[in-house]
Amino acid sequence: MVPQPNDDQLLDAYSSAIINAVDTVGPAVVKIDGTRGGGSGVLFTPDGLILTNSHVVEGGDALTVTMTDGQSMRADRI
């Protein structure tokens, strides 16, 4: 019979998985500000393509993207 992990072991494994995901993906998360509000996105390609929801950039011609290091830049909706 294979021993079953206890709740503490399961929670530790879950916490480790979440921490690993945040450490891996976190630097690619960006803040997007537009004329109608904003939201978040994820850097999707090395050349700067960002994936986000349509409502975040809807009607936004003047978009600003802020990286996790605080660097901001203008962005175009494509």
Protein backbone atom coordinates (compact mmCIF):
# COMPACT_ATOMS: atom_id res chain seq x y z
CA MET A 1 0.00 0.00 0.00
CA VAL A 2 1.32 3.47 -0.96
CA PRO A 3 1.28 5.94 1.95
CA GLN A 4 -1.03 8.91 1.37
CA PRO A 5 0.35 12.41 1.96
CA ASN A 6 -1.14 14.34 4.86
CA ASP A 7 -2.79 17.77 4.53
CA ASP A 8 0.40 19.65 5.47
CA GLN A 9 2.36 17.87 2.75
CA LEU A 10 -0.36 18.58 0.18
CA LEU A 11 -0.49 22.27 1.15
CA ASP A 12 3.31 22.54 0.96
CA ALA A 13 3.30 20.97 -2.51
CA TYR A 14 0.50 23.32 -3.63
CA SER A 15 2.33 26.37 -2.23
CA SER A 16 5.53 25.34 -3.98
CA ALA A 17 3.67 24.97 -7.28
CA ILE A 18 2.11 28.44 -6.95
CA ILE A 19 5.42 30.05 -5.98
CA ASN A 20 7.12 28.41 -8.96
CA ALA A 21 4.37 29.64 -11.33
CA VAL A 22 4.61 33.22 -10.01
CA ASP A 23 8.41 33.19 -10.22
CA THR A 24 8.26 31.88 -13.79
CA VAL A 25 5.44 34.01 -15.22
CA GLY A 26 5.53 37.06 -12.94
CA PRO A 27 8.19 39.01 -14.85
CA ALA A 28 6.09 38.74 -18.04
CA VAL A 29 2.98 40.33 -16.48
CA VAL A 30 2.37 43.95 -17.49
CA LYS A 31 -0.03 46.72 -16.50
CA ILE A 32 -1.92 48.33 -19.38
CA ASP A 33 -3.41 51.82 -19.09
CA GLY A 34 -5.68 53.22 -21.77
CA THR A 35 -8.09 56.07 -22.33
CA ARG A 36 -11.01 54.01 -20.96
CA GLY A 37 -9.25 52.32 -18.06
CA GLY A 38 -6.85 49.46 -18.07
CA GLY A 39 -5.95 46.01 -16.93
CA SER A 40 -3.19 43.49 -17.20
CA GLY A 41 -1.53 41.47 -19.91
CA VAL A 42 1.27 38.99 -20.43
CA LEU A 43 4.31 39.41 -22.66
CA PHE A 44 3.69 36.67 -25.19
CA THR A 45 6.67 36.90 -27.56
CA PRO A 46 10.29 38.03 -27.19
CA ASP A 47 9.69 41.02 -29.50
CA GLY A 48 7.05 42.50 -27.18
CA LEU A 49 3.67 41.18 -28.30
CA ILE A 50 1.32 41.33 -25.30
CA LEU A 51 -1.70 39.10 -24.83
CA THR A 52 -4.66 40.65 -22.98
CA ASN A 53 -8.45 40.75 -23.01
CA SER A 54 -10.20 42.86 -25.62
CA HIS A 55 -12.03 44.97 -23.02
CA VAL A 56 -8.66 46.13 -21.62
CA VAL A 57 -7.69 47.85 -24.90
CA GLU A 58 -11.14 48.46 -26.40
CA GLY A 59 -11.31 51.99 -27.78
CA GLY A 60 -7.80 52.64 -26.56
CA ASP A 61 -5.61 54.49 -29.00
CA ALA A 62 -3.26 55.86 -26.34
CA LEU A 63 -2.01 52.80 -24.47
CA THR A 64 0.77 52.74 -21.89
CA VAL A 65 2.36 49.51 -20.71
CA THR A 66 4.20 49.31 -17.39
CA MET A 67 6.60 46.45 -16.75
CA THR A 68 7.21 44.83 -13.36
CA ASP A 69 10.45 46.83 -13.03
CA GLY A 70 8.48 50.09 -13.34
CA GLN A 71 9.58 50.88 -16.90
CA SER A 72 6.70 52.38 -18.96
CA MET A 73 6.30 52.69 -22.70
CA ARG A 74 3.70 53.49 -25.32
CA ALA A 75 1.95 50.55 -26.95
CA ASP A 76 -0.13 50.05 -30.09
CA ARG A 77 -3.25 47.92 -30.29
CA ILE A 78 -3.09 45.43 -33.15
